[in-house]
Protein backbone atom coordinates (compact mmCIF):
# COMPACT_ATOMS: atom_id res chain seq x y z
CA UNK A 1 0.00 0.00 0.00
CA UNK A 2 1.28 3.47 -0.90
CA UNK A 3 2.05 5.95 1.84
CA UNK A 4 -0.34 8.88 1.99
CA UNK A 5 1.47 12.14 1.29
CA UNK A 6 0.55 15.60 0.08
CA UNK A 7 -0.14 15.58 -3.64
CA UNK A 8 -1.95 17.48 -6.35
CA UNK A 9 -5.30 16.01 -5.27
CA UNK A 10 -5.07 18.23 -2.16
CA UNK A 11 -4.94 21.32 -4.40
CA UNK A 12 -8.74 21.50 -4.25
CA UNK A 13 -8.80 21.48 -0.42
CA UNK A 14 -9.47 25.20 0.01
CA UNK A 15 -9.54 24.96 3.81
CA UNK A 16 -5.99 23.57 3.96
CA UNK A 17 -4.55 25.99 1.40
CA UNK A 18 -6.25 29.32 2.11
CA UNK A 19 -4.13 31.86 3.98
CA UNK A 20 -1.33 29.35 4.58
CA UNK A 21 1.43 31.56 3.19
CA UNK A 22 2.72 35.01 4.02
CA UNK A 23 2.32 37.29 0.98
CA UNK A 24 5.61 38.34 -0.60
CA UNK A 25 6.27 41.18 -3.05
CA UNK A 26 5.71 40.05 -6.61
CA UNK A 27 8.54 39.93 -9.12
CA UNK A 28 8.19 42.59 -11.78
CA UNK A 29 6.70 41.08 -14.97
CA UNK A 30 8.89 41.67 -18.03
CA UNK A 31 9.34 40.38 -21.60
CA UNK A 32 10.51 36.98 -20.30
CA UNK A 33 6.91 36.25 -19.21
CA UNK A 34 5.86 35.54 -22.82
CA UNK A 35 7.12 32.84 -25.16
CA UNK A 36 5.40 33.56 -28.47
CA UNK A 37 4.87 30.93 -31.17
CA UNK A 38 6.01 28.03 -28.96
CA UNK A 39 5.38 25.38 -31.62
CA UNK A 40 7.27 27.34 -34.28
CA UNK A 41 10.44 27.88 -32.22
CA UNK A 42 13.39 26.70 -34.35
CA UNK A 43 15.54 26.46 -31.20
CA UNK A 44 13.61 23.26 -30.39
CA UNK A 45 15.15 21.31 -33.31
CA UNK A 46 17.90 19.71 -31.23
CA UNK A 47 15.52 19.00 -28.34
CA UNK A 48 13.07 17.36 -30.75
CA UNK A 49 15.78 15.34 -32.53
CA UNK A 50 17.00 13.99 -29.20
CA UNK A 51 13.48 12.80 -28.41
CA UNK A 52 12.70 11.40 -31.85
CA UNK A 53 9.57 13.49 -32.41
CA UNK A 54 8.62 17.20 -32.34
CA UNK A 55 8.76 18.59 -28.78
CA UNK A 56 8.67 22.33 -28.14
CA UNK A 57 9.77 23.51 -24.68
CA UNK A 58 7.97 26.54 -23.31
CA UNK A 59 10.83 28.90 -22.43
CA UNK A 60 9.57 30.89 -19.46
CA UNK A 61 11.34 31.93 -16.23
CA UNK A 62 9.70 29.28 -14.02
CA UNK A 63 11.48 28.00 -10.93
CA UNK A 64 9.47 24.90 -10.14
CA UNK A 65 7.75 23.52 -13.26
CA UNK A 66 8.51 23.08 -16.94
CA UNK A 67 6.07 22.82 -19.82
CA UNK A 68 6.45 21.53 -23.35
CA UNK A 69 4.21 20.80 -26.33
CA UNK A 70 4.67 17.48 -28.10
CA UNK A 71 3.40 16.15 -31.40
CA UNK A 72 3.18 12.52 -32.50
CA UNK A 73 2.26 11.51 -36.04
CA UNK A 74 -0.36 8.77 -36.45
CA UNK A 75 1.19 5.46 -35.36
CA UNK A 76 4.36 7.13 -34.01
CA UNK A 77 5.86 6.65 -30.55
CA UNK A 78 8.36 8.31 -28.27
CA UNK A 79 11.48 6.44 -27.27
CA UNK A 80 11.12 4.06 -24.33
CA UNK A 81 12.76 6.18 -21.66
CA UNK A 82 12.85 7.26 -18.04
CA UNK A 83 13.96 10.37 -16.17
CA UNK A 84 14.59 11.60 -12.64
CA UNK A 85 11.66 14.01 -12.65
CA UNK A 86 7.95 13.29 -12.54
CA UNK A 87 5.75 14.40 -15.40
CA UNK A 88 2.11 14.97 -16.24
CA UNK A 89 0.98 14.68 -19.86
CA UNK A 90 -2.29 16.35 -20.86
CA UNK A 91 -3.63 15.22 -24.24
CA UNK A 92 -4.98 18.12 -26.31
CA UNK A 93 -5.72 16.25 -29.54
CA UNK A 94 -5.82 12.63 -30.68
CA UNK A 95 -5.67 9.32 -28.90
CA UNK A 96 -3.19 6.61 -28.06
CA UNK A 97 -1.65 4.85 -25.11
CA UNK A 98 1.30 4.88 -22.74
CA UNK A 99 3.21 1.80 -21.62
CA UNK A 100 4.62 2.36 -18.11
CA UNK A 101 6.69 -0.42 -16.60
CA UNK A 102 4.76 -2.89 -18.79
CA UNK A 103 1.28 -1.54 -17.91
CA UNK A 104 -0.82 -0.05 -20.72
CA UNK A 105 -2.83 3.15 -20.16
CA UNK A 106 -5.17 4.15 -23.03
CA UNK A 107 -5.87 7.87 -23.38
CA UNK A 108 -7.63 10.41 -25.60
CA UNK A 109 -8.02 14.18 -25.85
CA UNK A 110 -8.94 15.60 -22.45
CA UNK A 111 -7.10 12.90 -20.48
CA UNK A 112 -4.03 13.35 -18.27
CA UNK A 113 -1.32 10.75 -17.58
CA UNK A 114 1.09 10.87 -14.62
CA UNK A 115 4.56 9.32 -14.93
CA UNK A 116 6.46 8.76 -11.65
CA UNK A 117 10.22 9.45 -11.48
CA UNK A 118 12.50 6.73 -12.97
CA UNK A 119 9.52 4.85 -14.40
CA UNK A 120 10.24 3.37 -17.86
CA UNK A 121 7.58 4.68 -20.25
CA UNK A 122 6.73 5.19 -23.91
CA UNK A 123 3.86 7.20 -25.43
CA UNK A 124 2.18 5.87 -28.61
CA UNK A 125 -0.22 7.63 -30.99
CA UNK A 126 -3.02 5.50 -32.39
CA UNK A 127 -3.21 5.30 -36.17
CA UNK A 128 -6.36 7.43 -36.27
CA UNK A 129 -4.70 10.83 -36.44
CA UNK A 130 -2.00 13.06 -34.98
CA UNK A 131 -1.55 13.59 -31.24
CA UNK A 132 -0.73 16.88 -29.56
CA UNK A 133 -0.01 16.96 -25.84
CA UNK A 134 1.34 19.19 -23.08
CA UNK A 135 3.91 17.85 -20.64
CA UNK A 136 4.50 19.48 -17.26
CA UNK A 137 7.44 18.39 -15.12
CA UNK A 138 9.05 19.32 -11.82
CA UNK A 139 12.51 19.38 -13.43
CA UNK A 140 13.29 23.05 -12.54
CA UNK A 141 12.37 22.46 -8.89
CA UNK A 142 14.68 19.45 -8.66
CA UNK A 143 17.45 21.43 -10.34
CA UNK A 144 17.05 24.24 -7.76
CA UNK A 145 17.38 21.57 -5.03
CA UNK A 146 20.65 20.33 -6.56
CA UNK A 147 19.26 17.06 -7.90
CA UNK A 148 20.34 15.32 -11.11
CA UNK A 149 17.46 15.98 -13.46
CA UNK A 150 18.85 16.00 -16.98
CA UNK A 151 19.72 12.30 -17.01
CA UNK A 152 17.39 10.55 -19.43
CA UNK A 153 17.89 6.94 -20.42
CA UNK A 154 16.61 4.83 -23.28
CA UNK A 155 16.22 1.08 -23.27
C-alpha atoms as a PDB file:
ATOM      1  CA  UNK A   1       0.000   0.000   0.000  1.00  0.00           C
ATOM      2  CA  UNK A   2       1.275   3.469  -0.898  1.00  0.00           C
ATOM      3  CA  UNK A   3       2.053   5.948   1.845  1.00  0.00           C
ATOM      4  CA  UNK A   4      -0.343   8.882   1.985  1.00  0.00           C
ATOM      5  CA  UNK A   5       1.472  12.144   1.290  1.00  0.00           C
ATOM      6  CA  UNK A   6       0.545  15.602   0.082  1.00  0.00           C
ATOM      7  CA  UNK A   7      -0.143  15.577  -3.639  1.00  0.00           C
ATOM      8  CA  UNK A   8      -1.948  17.478  -6.351  1.00  0.00           C
ATOM      9  CA  UNK A   9      -5.302  16.014  -5.265  1.00  0.00           C
ATOM     10  CA  UNK A  10      -5.070  18.228  -2.160  1.00  0.00           C
ATOM     11  CA  UNK A  11      -4.939  21.317  -4.399  1.00  0.00           C
ATOM     12  CA  UNK A  12      -8.739  21.500  -4.248  1.00  0.00           C
ATOM     13  CA  UNK A  13      -8.798  21.481  -0.418  1.00  0.00           C
ATOM     14  CA  UNK A  14      -9.474  25.200   0.007  1.00  0.00           C
ATOM     15  CA  UNK A  15      -9.537  24.956   3.811  1.00  0.00           C
ATOM     16  CA  UNK A  16      -5.992  23.574   3.957  1.00  0.00           C
ATOM     17  CA  UNK A  17      -4.555  25.990   1.400  1.00  0.00           C
ATOM     18  CA  UNK A  18      -6.254  29.315   2.110  1.00  0.00           C
ATOM     19  CA  UNK A  19      -4.130  31.859   3.979  1.00  0.00           C
ATOM     20  CA  UNK A  20      -1.333  29.347   4.581  1.00  0.00           C
ATOM     21  CA  UNK A  21       1.428  31.564   3.185  1.00  0.00           C
ATOM     22  CA  UNK A  22       2.721  35.006   4.023  1.00  0.00           C
ATOM     23  CA  UNK A  23       2.317  37.291   0.981  1.00  0.00           C
ATOM     24  CA  UNK A  24       5.606  38.340  -0.602  1.00  0.00           C
ATOM     25  CA  UNK A  25       6.266  41.176  -3.054  1.00  0.00           C
ATOM     26  CA  UNK A  26       5.713  40.051  -6.611  1.00  0.00           C
ATOM     27  CA  UNK A  27       8.541  39.927  -9.125  1.00  0.00           C
ATOM     28  CA  UNK A  28       8.187  42.589 -11.778  1.00  0.00           C
ATOM     29  CA  UNK A  29       6.704  41.084 -14.974  1.00  0.00           C
ATOM     30  CA  UNK A  30       8.893  41.667 -18.034  1.00  0.00           C
ATOM     31  CA  UNK A  31       9.337  40.381 -21.598  1.00  0.00           C
ATOM     32  CA  UNK A  32      10.506  36.981 -20.302  1.00  0.00           C
ATOM     33  CA  UNK A  33       6.908  36.254 -19.215  1.00  0.00           C
ATOM     34  CA  UNK A  34       5.864  35.538 -22.822  1.00  0.00           C
ATOM     35  CA  UNK A  35       7.123  32.844 -25.160  1.00  0.00           C
ATOM     36  CA  UNK A  36       5.400  33.563 -28.467  1.00  0.00           C
ATOM     37  CA  UNK A  37       4.875  30.930 -31.173  1.00  0.00           C
ATOM     38  CA  UNK A  38       6.014  28.033 -28.955  1.00  0.00           C
ATOM     39  CA  UNK A  39       5.385  25.379 -31.616  1.00  0.00           C
ATOM     40  CA  UNK A  40       7.265  27.336 -34.276  1.00  0.00           C
ATOM     41  CA  UNK A  41      10.437  27.882 -32.222  1.00  0.00           C
ATOM     42  CA  UNK A  42      13.390  26.702 -34.352  1.00  0.00           C
ATOM     43  CA  UNK A  43      15.543  26.459 -31.198  1.00  0.00           C
ATOM     44  CA  UNK A  44      13.614  23.262 -30.393  1.00  0.00           C
ATOM     45  CA  UNK A  45      15.146  21.315 -33.313  1.00  0.00           C
ATOM     46  CA  UNK A  46      17.904  19.712 -31.234  1.00  0.00           C
ATOM     47  CA  UNK A  47      15.524  19.003 -28.342  1.00  0.00           C
ATOM     48  CA  UNK A  48      13.074  17.357 -30.753  1.00  0.00           C
ATOM     49  CA  UNK A  49      15.781  15.339 -32.532  1.00  0.00           C
ATOM     50  CA  UNK A  50      17.002  13.987 -29.202  1.00  0.00           C
ATOM     51  CA  UNK A  51      13.480  12.796 -28.408  1.00  0.00           C
ATOM     52  CA  UNK A  52      12.699  11.398 -31.853  1.00  0.00           C
ATOM     53  CA  UNK A  53       9.567  13.485 -32.408  1.00  0.00           C
ATOM     54  CA  UNK A  54       8.618  17.195 -32.338  1.00  0.00           C
ATOM     55  CA  UNK A  55       8.760  18.585 -28.780  1.00  0.00           C
ATOM     56  CA  UNK A  56       8.667  22.326 -28.141  1.00  0.00           C
ATOM     57  CA  UNK A  57       9.768  23.509 -24.682  1.00  0.00           C
ATOM     58  CA  UNK A  58       7.974  26.538 -23.307  1.00  0.00           C
ATOM     59  CA  UNK A  59      10.827  28.896 -22.428  1.00  0.00           C
ATOM     60  CA  UNK A  60       9.571  30.886 -19.463  1.00  0.00           C
ATOM     61  CA  UNK A  61      11.337  31.928 -16.229  1.00  0.00           C
ATOM     62  CA  UNK A  62       9.704  29.278 -14.021  1.00  0.00           C
ATOM     63  CA  UNK A  63      11.483  28.001 -10.931  1.00  0.00           C
ATOM     64  CA  UNK A  64       9.470  24.895 -10.142  1.00  0.00           C
ATOM     65  CA  UNK A  65       7.746  23.523 -13.263  1.00  0.00           C
ATOM     66  CA  UNK A  66       8.509  23.080 -16.941  1.00  0.00           C
ATOM     67  CA  UNK A  67       6.070  22.823 -19.821  1.00  0.00           C
ATOM     68  CA  UNK A  68       6.450  21.527 -23.349  1.00  0.00           C
ATOM     69  CA  UNK A  69       4.208  20.799 -26.331  1.00  0.00           C
ATOM     70  CA  UNK A  70       4.673  17.481 -28.096  1.00  0.00           C
ATOM     71  CA  UNK A  71       3.397  16.147 -31.404  1.00  0.00           C
ATOM     72  CA  UNK A  72       3.176  12.520 -32.503  1.00  0.00           C
ATOM     73  CA  UNK A  73       2.264  11.510 -36.042  1.00  0.00           C
ATOM     74  CA  UNK A  74      -0.359   8.773 -36.445  1.00  0.00           C
ATOM     75  CA  UNK A  75       1.188   5.463 -35.357  1.00  0.00           C
ATOM     76  CA  UNK A  76       4.362   7.130 -34.013  1.00  0.00           C
ATOM     77  CA  UNK A  77       5.860   6.654 -30.553  1.00  0.00           C
ATOM     78  CA  UNK A  78       8.363   8.315 -28.271  1.00  0.00           C
ATOM     79  CA  UNK A  79      11.480   6.435 -27.271  1.00  0.00           C
ATOM     80  CA  UNK A  80      11.117   4.064 -24.328  1.00  0.00           C
ATOM     81  CA  UNK A  81      12.764   6.178 -21.665  1.00  0.00           C
ATOM     82  CA  UNK A  82      12.854   7.259 -18.036  1.00  0.00           C
ATOM     83  CA  UNK A  83      13.956  10.373 -16.167  1.00  0.00           C
ATOM     84  CA  UNK A  84      14.589  11.597 -12.645  1.00  0.00           C
ATOM     85  CA  UNK A  85      11.662  14.008 -12.647  1.00  0.00           C
ATOM     86  CA  UNK A  86       7.949  13.292 -12.536  1.00  0.00           C
ATOM     87  CA  UNK A  87       5.750  14.400 -15.403  1.00  0.00           C
ATOM     88  CA  UNK A  88       2.114  14.966 -16.243  1.00  0.00           C
ATOM     89  CA  UNK A  89       0.978  14.679 -19.862  1.00  0.00           C
ATOM     90  CA  UNK A  90      -2.290  16.348 -20.857  1.00  0.00           C
ATOM     91  CA  UNK A  91      -3.632  15.222 -24.237  1.00  0.00           C
ATOM     92  CA  UNK A  92      -4.976  18.120 -26.310  1.00  0.00           C
ATOM     93  CA  UNK A  93      -5.720  16.253 -29.538  1.00  0.00           C
ATOM     94  CA  UNK A  94      -5.820  12.631 -30.681  1.00  0.00           C
ATOM     95  CA  UNK A  95      -5.671   9.317 -28.898  1.00  0.00           C
ATOM     96  CA  UNK A  96      -3.185   6.609 -28.057  1.00  0.00           C
ATOM     97  CA  UNK A  97      -1.655   4.850 -25.105  1.00  0.00           C
ATOM     98  CA  UNK A  98       1.305   4.880 -22.744  1.00  0.00           C
ATOM     99  CA  UNK A  99       3.215   1.799 -21.623  1.00  0.00           C
ATOM    100  CA  UNK A 100       4.616   2.364 -18.112  1.00  0.00           C
ATOM    101  CA  UNK A 101       6.691  -0.424 -16.602  1.00  0.00           C
ATOM    102  CA  UNK A 102       4.758  -2.886 -18.795  1.00  0.00           C
ATOM    103  CA  UNK A 103       1.284  -1.542 -17.909  1.00  0.00           C
ATOM    104  CA  UNK A 104      -0.816  -0.052 -20.720  1.00  0.00           C
ATOM    105  CA  UNK A 105      -2.826   3.149 -20.162  1.00  0.00           C
ATOM    106  CA  UNK A 106      -5.165   4.148 -23.031  1.00  0.00           C
ATOM    107  CA  UNK A 107      -5.868   7.868 -23.382  1.00  0.00           C
ATOM    108  CA  UNK A 108      -7.634  10.412 -25.597  1.00  0.00           C
ATOM    109  CA  UNK A 109      -8.015  14.181 -25.847  1.00  0.00           C
ATOM    110  CA  UNK A 110      -8.942  15.600 -22.455  1.00  0.00           C
ATOM    111  CA  UNK A 111      -7.096  12.901 -20.476  1.00  0.00           C
ATOM    112  CA  UNK A 112      -4.030  13.346 -18.272  1.00  0.00           C
ATOM    113  CA  UNK A 113      -1.324  10.747 -17.580  1.00  0.00           C
ATOM    114  CA  UNK A 114       1.088  10.869 -14.622  1.00  0.00           C
ATOM    115  CA  UNK A 115       4.564   9.318 -14.926  1.00  0.00           C
ATOM    116  CA  UNK A 116       6.458   8.764 -11.649  1.00  0.00           C
ATOM    117  CA  UNK A 117      10.225   9.447 -11.480  1.00  0.00           C
ATOM    118  CA  UNK A 118      12.504   6.732 -12.967  1.00  0.00           C
ATOM    119  CA  UNK A 119       9.523   4.846 -14.400  1.00  0.00           C
ATOM    120  CA  UNK A 120      10.235   3.370 -17.857  1.00  0.00           C
ATOM    121  CA  UNK A 121       7.578   4.676 -20.255  1.00  0.00           C
ATOM    122  CA  UNK A 122       6.729   5.190 -23.906  1.00  0.00           C
ATOM    123  CA  UNK A 123       3.857   7.199 -25.433  1.00  0.00           C
ATOM    124  CA  UNK A 124       2.180   5.871 -28.610  1.00  0.00           C
ATOM    125  CA  UNK A 125      -0.225   7.628 -30.989  1.00  0.00           C
ATOM    126  CA  UNK A 126      -3.016   5.502 -32.391  1.00  0.00           C
ATOM    127  CA  UNK A 127      -3.208   5.301 -36.167  1.00  0.00           C
ATOM    128  CA  UNK A 128      -6.361   7.429 -36.265  1.00  0.00           C
ATOM    129  CA  UNK A 129      -4.697  10.828 -36.442  1.00  0.00           C
ATOM    130  CA  UNK A 130      -2.002  13.058 -34.980  1.00  0.00           C
ATOM    131  CA  UNK A 131      -1.553  13.587 -31.241  1.00  0.00           C
ATOM    132  CA  UNK A 132      -0.734  16.882 -29.558  1.00  0.00           C
ATOM    133  CA  UNK A 133      -0.011  16.962 -25.842  1.00  0.00           C
ATOM    134  CA  UNK A 134       1.342  19.195 -23.080  1.00  0.00           C
ATOM    135  CA  UNK A 135       3.914  17.851 -20.637  1.00  0.00           C
ATOM    136  CA  UNK A 136       4.499  19.484 -17.265  1.00  0.00           C
ATOM    137  CA  UNK A 137       7.444  18.387 -15.120  1.00  0.00           C
ATOM    138  CA  UNK A 138       9.051  19.319 -11.821  1.00  0.00           C
ATOM    139  CA  UNK A 139      12.515  19.381 -13.430  1.00  0.00           C
ATOM    140  CA  UNK A 140      13.286  23.048 -12.540  1.00  0.00           C
ATOM    141  CA  UNK A 141      12.370  22.462  -8.889  1.00  0.00           C
ATOM    142  CA  UNK A 142      14.684  19.454  -8.657  1.00  0.00           C
ATOM    143  CA  UNK A 143      17.455  21.435 -10.337  1.00  0.00           C
ATOM    144  CA  UNK A 144      17.052  24.236  -7.759  1.00  0.00           C
ATOM    145  CA  UNK A 145      17.377  21.570  -5.033  1.00  0.00           C
ATOM    146  CA  UNK A 146      20.647  20.325  -6.563  1.00  0.00           C
ATOM    147  CA  UNK A 147      19.259  17.056  -7.903  1.00  0.00           C
ATOM    148  CA  UNK A 148      20.342  15.317 -11.106  1.00  0.00           C
ATOM    149  CA  UNK A 149      17.464  15.981 -13.457  1.00  0.00           C
ATOM    150  CA  UNK A 150      18.852  15.997 -16.977  1.00  0.00           C
ATOM    151  CA  UNK A 151      19.721  12.301 -17.013  1.00  0.00           C
ATOM    152  CA  UNK A 152      17.391  10.547 -19.434  1.00  0.00           C
ATOM    153  CA  UNK A 153      17.894   6.945 -20.422  1.00  0.00           C
ATOM    154  CA  UNK A 154      16.610   4.834 -23.279  1.00  0.00           C
ATOM    155  CA  UNK A 155      16.221   1.081 -23.270  1.00  0.00           C
END
